Amino acid sequence: RCNHCVPHSVGGSCTTSVKECDEGDYVCVFVVFPQPMYSFFRRCSKRSDALIMQTSPHLNVVICETDRCN
């Protein structure tokens, strides 16, 4: 289970809910876009996608594996 909060627009706000991740190799992520305009999201992600996002110099990505850790 992961916190889920995805703004509808860049820099927007969202309401955090809790989502059950799909079966398989999923993790919780907290992703921050620091520039040019601060934005973020929290959600379930395939581990492989999360690891790819983590390689981007334009994102700050936290990957975790326990309930609501993001």
Protein backbone atom coordinates (compact mmCIF):
# COMPACT_ATOMS: atom_id res chain seq x y z
CA ARG A 1 0.00 0.00 0.00
CA CYS A 2 1.32 3.40 -0.99
CA ASN A 3 0.34 6.98 -0.46
CA HIS A 4 -1.17 8.31 -3.68
CA CYS A 5 -1.10 12.01 -4.49
CA VAL A 6 -0.79 13.18 -8.10
CA PRO A 7 -1.51 16.88 -8.78
CA HIS A 8 -3.64 17.63 -11.85
CA SER A 9 -1.23 20.37 -12.95
CA VAL A 10 2.43 21.29 -12.46
CA GLY A 11 2.86 22.94 -9.10
CA GLY A 12 -0.70 22.05 -8.14
CA SER A 13 -1.91 20.43 -4.97
CA CYS A 14 -3.55 17.07 -4.38
CA THR A 15 -5.27 15.09 -1.67
CA THR A 16 -3.36 12.09 -0.37
CA SER A 17 -5.14 8.75 -0.40
CA VAL A 18 -3.91 5.17 0.06
CA LYS A 19 -3.78 2.79 -2.90
CA GLU A 20 -3.13 -0.93 -3.08
CA CYS A 21 -0.36 -1.60 -5.58
CA ASP A 22 -0.94 -4.15 -8.34
CA GLU A 23 0.47 -7.64 -7.92
CA GLY A 24 4.09 -8.03 -8.89
CA ASP A 25 7.28 -6.09 -8.32
CA TYR A 26 5.87 -2.73 -7.18
CA VAL A 27 7.32 -0.14 -4.83
CA CYS A 28 6.18 3.18 -3.38
CA VAL A 29 7.76 6.31 -4.85
CA PHE A 30 7.94 9.95 -3.89
CA VAL A 31 9.15 11.97 -6.89
CA VAL A 32 10.04 15.67 -6.80
CA PHE A 33 10.60 17.88 -9.84
CA PRO A 34 12.62 20.69 -8.20
CA GLN A 35 12.91 22.94 -11.26
CA PRO A 36 11.88 24.92 -13.25
CA MET A 37 8.61 24.81 -11.27
CA TYR A 38 8.41 22.70 -8.14
CA SER A 39 6.05 19.74 -8.41
CA PHE A 40 5.81 16.23 -6.99
CA PHE A 41 3.84 13.00 -6.91
CA ARG A 42 3.46 9.96 -4.64
CA ARG A 43 2.20 6.62 -5.93
CA CYS A 44 2.83 2.95 -6.63
CA SER A 45 5.32 2.26 -9.39
CA LYS A 46 6.86 -0.75 -11.05
CA ARG A 47 10.30 -1.18 -9.54
CA SER A 48 11.92 -1.03 -13.00
CA ASP A 49 10.20 2.31 -13.78
CA ALA A 50 11.20 3.72 -10.40
CA LEU A 51 14.84 2.78 -10.95
CA ILE A 52 14.78 4.45 -14.38
CA MET A 53 13.29 7.64 -12.88
CA GLN A 54 15.99 7.56 -10.20
CA THR A 55 18.70 7.91 -12.87
CA SER A 56 17.34 11.26 -14.09
CA PRO A 57 19.37 14.28 -12.93
CA HIS A 58 16.15 16.34 -13.12
CA LEU A 59 14.22 14.33 -10.50
CA ASN A 60 14.63 13.57 -6.82
CA VAL A 61 13.25 10.05 -6.35
CA VAL A 62 12.70 8.14 -3.11
CA ILE A 63 11.90 4.43 -3.48
CA CYS A 64 10.63 2.43 -0.51
CA GLU A 65 8.95 -0.91 0.11
CA THR A 66 6.88 -0.69 3.30
CA ASP A 67 3.25 0.35 3.69
CA ARG A 68 2.70 4.09 3.17
CA CYS A 69 6.44 4.82 3.33
CA ASN A 70 6.27 7.48 0.65
